[in-house]
Amino acid sequence: MVIDRIVLAFAGLMVLTSLSLAYWVSPYWLILAAFVGLNLFQAAFTGFCPLAMVLKKLGYRPGAAF
């Protein structure tokens, strides 16, 4: 699996987790979904993604975006 797909899968998992926790625990968990969305938005313009940097150091293959 390439870094791009891992980042997208992880971001999707975090959003779904945040929504689930907001529904069952506290609406404050929506802050996590907002953070993930803002991070994806800035990564689209800057190319800076902390998860992608960690995955690259772990030896995963880079994709087209990272």
PDB file of N, CA and C in Angstrom:
ATOM      1  N   MET A   1       0.838  -1.173   0.000  1.00  0.00           N
ATOM      2  CA  MET A   1       0.000   0.000   0.000  1.00  0.00           C
ATOM      3  C   MET A   1       0.890   1.247   0.000  1.00  0.00           C
ATOM      4  N   VAL A   2       0.514   2.253  -0.753  1.00  0.00           N
ATOM      5  CA  VAL A   2       1.313   3.469  -0.811  1.00  0.00           C
ATOM      6  C   VAL A   2       0.848   4.457   0.253  1.00  0.00           C
ATOM      7  N   ILE A   3       1.698   5.430   0.535  1.00  0.00           N
ATOM      8  CA  ILE A   3       1.440   6.391   1.605  1.00  0.00           C
ATOM      9  C   ILE A   3       0.133   7.135   1.394  1.00  0.00           C
ATOM     10  N   ASP A   4      -0.162   7.520   0.149  1.00  0.00           N
ATOM     11  CA  ASP A   4      -1.380   8.297  -0.129  1.00  0.00           C
ATOM     12  C   ASP A   4      -2.630   7.562   0.340  1.00  0.00           C
ATOM     13  N   ARG A   5      -2.714   6.300   0.019  1.00  0.00           N
ATOM     14  CA  ARG A   5      -3.894   5.524   0.392  1.00  0.00           C
ATOM     15  C   ARG A   5      -3.972   5.301   1.895  1.00  0.00           C
ATOM     16  N   ILE A   6      -2.830   5.121   2.531  1.00  0.00           N
ATOM     17  CA  ILE A   6      -2.815   4.938   3.980  1.00  0.00           C
ATOM     18  C   ILE A   6      -3.290   6.211   4.676  1.00  0.00           C
ATOM     19  N   VAL A   7      -2.822   7.364   4.209  1.00  0.00           N
ATOM     20  CA  VAL A   7      -3.226   8.641   4.802  1.00  0.00           C
ATOM     21  C   VAL A   7      -4.729   8.841   4.642  1.00  0.00           C
ATOM     22  N   LEU A   8      -5.262   8.577   3.452  1.00  0.00           N
ATOM     23  CA  LEU A   8      -6.702   8.741   3.225  1.00  0.00           C
ATOM     24  C   LEU A   8      -7.519   7.773   4.082  1.00  0.00           C
ATOM     25  N   ALA A   9      -7.060   6.529   4.188  1.00  0.00           N
ATOM     26  CA  ALA A   9      -7.773   5.543   5.004  1.00  0.00           C
ATOM     27  C   ALA A   9      -7.740   5.940   6.479  1.00  0.00           C
ATOM     28  N   PHE A  10      -6.596   6.411   6.951  1.00  0.00           N
ATOM     29  CA  PHE A  10      -6.474   6.816   8.349  1.00  0.00           C
ATOM     30  C   PHE A  10      -7.357   8.035   8.631  1.00  0.00           C
ATOM     31  N   ALA A  11      -7.367   8.998   7.715  1.00  0.00           N
ATOM     32  CA  ALA A  11      -8.201  10.190   7.901  1.00  0.00           C
ATOM     33  C   ALA A  11      -9.679   9.803   7.934  1.00  0.00           C
ATOM     34  N   GLY A  12     -10.098   8.934   7.046  1.00  0.00           N
ATOM     35  CA  GLY A  12     -11.478   8.471   7.048  1.00  0.00           C
ATOM     36  C   GLY A  12     -11.838   7.746   8.326  1.00  0.00           C
ATOM     37  N   LEU A  13     -10.940   6.916   8.807  1.00  0.00           N
ATOM     38  CA  LEU A  13     -11.170   6.198  10.064  1.00  0.00           C
ATOM     39  C   LEU A  13     -11.292   7.166  11.234  1.00  0.00           C
ATOM     40  N   MET A  14     -10.450   8.200  11.263  1.00  0.00           N
ATOM     41  CA  MET A  14     -10.512   9.187  12.342  1.00  0.00           C
ATOM     42  C   MET A  14     -11.822   9.979  12.303  1.00  0.00           C
ATOM     43  N   VAL A  15     -12.295  10.327  11.112  1.00  0.00           N
ATOM     44  CA  VAL A  15     -13.565  11.055  11.007  1.00  0.00           C
ATOM     45  C   VAL A  15     -14.722  10.182  11.470  1.00  0.00           C
ATOM     46  N   LEU A  16     -14.748   8.929  11.039  1.00  0.00           N
ATOM     47  CA  LEU A  16     -15.824   8.034  11.460  1.00  0.00           C
ATOM     48  C   LEU A  16     -15.783   7.762  12.965  1.00  0.00           C
ATOM     49  N   THR A  17     -14.592   7.616  13.503  1.00  0.00           N
ATOM     50  CA  THR A  17     -14.443   7.428  14.944  1.00  0.00           C
ATOM     51  C   THR A  17     -14.932   8.660  15.698  1.00  0.00           C
ATOM     52  N   SER A  18     -14.552   9.828  15.198  1.00  0.00           N
ATOM     53  CA  SER A  18     -14.979  11.075  15.823  1.00  0.00           C
ATOM     54  C   SER A  18     -16.497  11.222  15.804  1.00  0.00           C
ATOM     55  N   LEU A  19     -17.113  10.905  14.681  1.00  0.00           N
ATOM     56  CA  LEU A  19     -18.568  10.994  14.587  1.00  0.00           C
ATOM     57  C   LEU A  19     -19.254  10.010  15.526  1.00  0.00           C
ATOM     58  N   SER A  20     -18.724   8.806  15.623  1.00  0.00           N
ATOM     59  CA  SER A  20     -19.293   7.809  16.531  1.00  0.00           C
ATOM     60  C   SER A  20     -19.181   8.251  17.979  1.00  0.00           C
ATOM     61  N   LEU A  21     -18.009   8.751  18.353  1.00  0.00           N
ATOM     62  CA  LEU A  21     -17.819   9.208  19.727  1.00  0.00           C
ATOM     63  C   LEU A  21     -18.676  10.437  20.031  1.00  0.00           C
ATOM     64  N   ALA A  22     -18.863  11.299  19.040  1.00  0.00           N
ATOM     65  CA  ALA A  22     -19.717  12.476  19.240  1.00  0.00           C
ATOM     66  C   ALA A  22     -21.166  12.057  19.454  1.00  0.00           C
ATOM     67  N   TYR A  23     -21.595  11.021  18.787  1.00  0.00           N
ATOM     68  CA  TYR A  23     -22.974  10.546  18.926  1.00  0.00           C
ATOM     69  C   TYR A  23     -23.202   9.860  20.271  1.00  0.00           C
ATOM     70  N   TRP A  24     -22.248   9.009  20.672  1.00  0.00           N
ATOM     71  CA  TRP A  24     -22.462   8.196  21.872  1.00  0.00           C
ATOM     72  C   TRP A  24     -21.844   8.754  23.145  1.00  0.00           C
ATOM     73  N   VAL A  25     -20.853   9.623  23.037  1.00  0.00           N
ATOM     74  CA  VAL A  25     -20.156  10.082  24.240  1.00  0.00           C
ATOM     75  C   VAL A  25     -20.384  11.575  24.490  1.00  0.00           C
ATOM     76  N   SER A  26     -19.854  12.408  23.590  1.00  0.00           N
ATOM     77  CA  SER A  26     -19.939  13.852  23.787  1.00  0.00           C
ATOM     78  C   SER A  26     -19.773  14.556  22.449  1.00  0.00           C
ATOM     79  N   PRO A  27     -20.540  15.613  22.203  1.00  0.00           N
ATOM     80  CA  PRO A  27     -20.394  16.340  20.943  1.00  0.00           C
ATOM     81  C   PRO A  27     -19.038  17.029  20.783  1.00  0.00           C
ATOM     82  N   TYR A  28     -18.285  17.143  21.859  1.00  0.00           N
ATOM     83  CA  TYR A  28     -16.948  17.741  21.761  1.00  0.00           C
ATOM     84  C   TYR A  28     -15.993  16.915  20.899  1.00  0.00           C
ATOM     85  N   TRP A  29     -16.314  15.656  20.643  1.00  0.00           N
ATOM     86  CA  TRP A  29     -15.484  14.822  19.776  1.00  0.00           C
ATOM     87  C   TRP A  29     -15.521  15.304  18.334  1.00  0.00           C
ATOM     88  N   LEU A  30     -16.456  16.169  17.992  1.00  0.00           N
ATOM     89  CA  LEU A  30     -16.497  16.729  16.639  1.00  0.00           C
ATOM     90  C   LEU A  30     -15.288  17.616  16.363  1.00  0.00           C
ATOM     91  N   ILE A  31     -14.633  18.070  17.410  1.00  0.00           N
ATOM     92  CA  ILE A  31     -13.406  18.851  17.244  1.00  0.00           C
ATOM     93  C   ILE A  31     -12.340  18.010  16.540  1.00  0.00           C
ATOM     94  N   LEU A  32     -12.285  16.722  16.836  1.00  0.00           N
ATOM     95  CA  LEU A  32     -11.338  15.831  16.166  1.00  0.00           C
ATOM     96  C   LEU A  32     -11.630  15.760  14.674  1.00  0.00           C
ATOM     97  N   ALA A  33     -12.893  15.640  14.299  1.00  0.00           N
ATOM     98  CA  ALA A  33     -13.252  15.600  12.879  1.00  0.00           C
ATOM     99  C   ALA A  33     -12.869  16.908  12.190  1.00  0.00           C
ATOM    100  N   ALA A  34     -13.081  18.030  12.866  1.00  0.00           N
ATOM    101  CA  ALA A  34     -12.697  19.326  12.300  1.00  0.00           C
ATOM    102  C   ALA A  34     -11.185  19.422  12.121  1.00  0.00           C
ATOM    103  N   PHE A  35     -10.431  18.927  13.093  1.00  0.00           N
ATOM    104  CA  PHE A  35      -8.969  18.937  12.996  1.00  0.00           C
ATOM    105  C   PHE A  35      -8.492  18.101  11.819  1.00  0.00           C
ATOM    106  N   VAL A  36      -9.060  16.924  11.651  1.00  0.00           N
ATOM    107  CA  VAL A  36      -8.674  16.054  10.542  1.00  0.00           C
ATOM    108  C   VAL A  36      -9.001  16.723   9.202  1.00  0.00           C
ATOM    109  N   GLY A  37     -10.176  17.329   9.116  1.00  0.00           N
ATOM    110  CA  GLY A  37     -10.560  18.018   7.887  1.00  0.00           C
ATOM    111  C   GLY A  37      -9.642  19.183   7.561  1.00  0.00           C
ATOM    112  N   LEU A  38      -9.308  19.978   8.564  1.00  0.00           N
ATOM    113  CA  LEU A  38      -8.392  21.100   8.339  1.00  0.00           C
ATOM    114  C   LEU A  38      -6.999  20.619   7.943  1.00  0.00           C
ATOM    115  N   ASN A  39      -6.547  19.535   8.544  1.00  0.00           N
ATOM    116  CA  ASN A  39      -5.243  18.992   8.193  1.00  0.00           C
ATOM    117  C   ASN A  39      -5.230  18.490   6.753  1.00  0.00           C
ATOM    118  N   LEU A  40      -6.294  17.827   6.317  1.00  0.00           N
ATOM    119  CA  LEU A  40      -6.370  17.375   4.926  1.00  0.00           C
ATOM    120  C   LEU A  40      -6.395  18.567   3.972  1.00  0.00           C
ATOM    121  N   PHE A  41      -7.117  19.617   4.351  1.00  0.00           N
ATOM    122  CA  PHE A  41      -7.217  20.806   3.513  1.00  0.00           C
ATOM    123  C   PHE A  41      -5.853  21.483   3.349  1.00  0.00           C
ATOM    124  N   GLN A  42      -5.131  21.669   4.441  1.00  0.00           N
ATOM    125  CA  GLN A  42      -3.830  22.312   4.331  1.00  0.00           C
ATOM    126  C   GLN A  42      -2.828  21.411   3.623  1.00  0.00           C
ATOM    127  N   ALA A  43      -2.930  20.106   3.783  1.00  0.00           N
ATOM    128  CA  ALA A  43      -2.010  19.185   3.106  1.00  0.00           C
ATOM    129  C   ALA A  43      -2.207  19.219   1.593  1.00  0.00           C
ATOM    130  N   ALA A  44      -3.425  19.496   1.159  1.00  0.00           N
ATOM    131  CA  ALA A  44      -3.690  19.584  -0.279  1.00  0.00           C
ATOM    132  C   ALA A  44      -2.929  20.741  -0.910  1.00  0.00           C
ATOM    133  N   PHE A  45      -2.722  21.819  -0.161  1.00  0.00           N
ATOM    134  CA  PHE A  45      -2.048  22.989  -0.709  1.00  0.00           C
ATOM    135  C   PHE A  45      -0.557  23.023  -0.408  1.00  0.00           C
ATOM    136  N   THR A  46      -0.164  22.521   0.753  1.00  0.00           N
ATOM    137  CA  THR A  46       1.240  22.634   1.154  1.00  0.00           C
ATOM    138  C   THR A  46       2.037  21.353   0.946  1.00  0.00           C
ATOM    139  N   GLY A  47       1.359  20.211   0.913  1.00  0.00           N
ATOM    140  CA  GLY A  47       2.063  18.938   0.806  1.00  0.00           C
ATOM    141  C   GLY A  47       2.632  18.462   2.132  1.00  0.00           C
ATOM    142  N   PHE A  48       2.402  19.202   3.206  1.00  0.00           N
ATOM    143  CA  PHE A  48       2.911  18.839   4.530  1.00  0.00           C
ATOM    144  C   PHE A  48       1.894  17.978   5.257  1.00  0.00           C
ATOM    145  N   CYS A  49       2.286  16.759   5.576  1.00  0.00           N
ATOM    146  CA  CYS A  49       1.419  15.849   6.310  1.00  0.00           C
ATOM    147  C   CYS A  49       2.279  15.067   7.302  1.00  0.00           C
ATOM    148  N   PRO A  50       2.068  15.268   8.600  1.00  0.00           N
ATOM    149  CA  PRO A  50       2.884  14.570   9.593  1.00  0.00           C
ATOM    150  C   PRO A  50       2.803  13.047   9.474  1.00  0.00           C
ATOM    151  N   LEU A  51       1.615  12.510   9.216  1.00  0.00           N
ATOM    152  CA  LEU A  51       1.478  11.059   9.078  1.00  0.00           C
ATOM    153  C   LEU A  51       2.279  10.548   7.891  1.00  0.00           C
ATOM    154  N   ALA A  52       2.265  11.279   6.787  1.00  0.00           N
ATOM    155  CA  ALA A  52       3.031  10.863   5.608  1.00  0.00           C
ATOM    156  C   ALA A  52       4.526  10.847   5.899  1.00  0.00           C
ATOM    157  N   MET A  53       4.996  11.812   6.677  1.00  0.00           N
ATOM    158  CA  MET A  53       6.419  11.836   7.027  1.00  0.00           C
ATOM    159  C   MET A  53       6.786  10.634   7.896  1.00  0.00           C
ATOM    160  N   VAL A  54       5.915  10.285   8.840  1.00  0.00           N
ATOM    161  CA  VAL A  54       6.174   9.119   9.700  1.00  0.00           C
ATOM    162  C   VAL A  54       6.168   7.842   8.869  1.00  0.00           C
ATOM    163  N   LEU A  55       5.192   7.705   7.984  1.00  0.00           N
ATOM    164  CA  LEU A  55       5.116   6.502   7.150  1.00  0.00           C
ATOM    165  C   LEU A  55       6.319   6.379   6.222  1.00  0.00           C
ATOM    166  N   LYS A  56       6.810   7.505   5.722  1.00  0.00           N
ATOM    167  CA  LYS A  56       7.986   7.478   4.861  1.00  0.00           C
ATOM    168  C   LYS A  56       9.203   6.984   5.627  1.00  0.00           C
ATOM    169  N   LYS A  57       9.341   7.424   6.891  1.00  0.00           N
ATOM    170  CA  LYS A  57      10.458   6.972   7.725  1.00  0.00           C
ATOM    171  C   LYS A  57      10.341   5.490   8.073  1.00  0.00           C
ATOM    172  N   LEU A  58       9.096   4.981   8.111  1.00  0.00           N
ATOM    173  CA  LEU A  58       8.886   3.563   8.402  1.00  0.00           C
ATOM    174  C   LEU A  58       9.122   2.684   7.174  1.00  0.00           C
ATOM    175  N   GLY A  59       9.322   3.319   6.013  1.00  0.00           N
ATOM    176  CA  GLY A  59       9.687   2.554   4.826  1.00  0.00           C
ATOM    177  C   GLY A  59       8.572   2.290   3.845  1.00  0.00           C
ATOM    178  N   TYR A  60       7.424   2.915   3.997  1.00  0.00           N
ATOM    179  CA  TYR A  60       6.332   2.725   3.040  1.00  0.00           C
ATOM    180  C   TYR A  60       6.646   3.472   1.749  1.00  0.00           C
ATOM    181  N   ARG A  61       6.115   2.957   0.643  1.00  0.00           N
ATOM    182  CA  ARG A  61       6.366   3.566  -0.665  1.00  0.00           C
ATOM    183  C   ARG A  61       5.587   4.864  -0.812  1.00  0.00           C
ATOM    184  N   PRO A  62       6.242   5.915  -1.297  1.00  0.00           N
ATOM    185  CA  PRO A  62       5.496   7.163  -1.539  1.00  0.00           C
ATOM    186  C   PRO A  62       4.589   7.025  -2.747  1.00  0.00           C
ATOM    187  N   GLY A  63       3.517   7.781  -2.718  1.00  0.00           N
ATOM    188  CA  GLY A  63       2.584   7.803  -3.840  1.00  0.00           C
ATOM    189  C   GLY A  63       2.754   9.081  -4.638  1.00  0.00           C
ATOM    190  N   ALA A  64       1.740   9.466  -5.363  1.00  0.00           N
ATOM    191  CA  ALA A  64       1.813  10.653  -6.208  1.00  0.00           C
ATOM    192  C   ALA A  64       1.749  11.940  -5.378  1.00  0.00           C
ATOM    193  N   ALA A  65       0.999  11.939  -4.279  1.00  0.00           N
ATOM    194  CA  ALA A  65       0.809  13.170  -3.511  1.00  0.00           C
ATOM    195  C   ALA A  65       1.918  13.411  -2.513  1.00  0.00           C
ATOM    196  N   PHE A  66       2.420  12.393  -1.859  1.00  0.00           N
ATOM    197  CA  PHE A  66       3.428  12.582  -0.825  1.00  0.00           C
ATOM    198  C   PHE A  66       4.725  11.917  -1.255  1.00  0.00           C
TER     199      PHE A  66
END
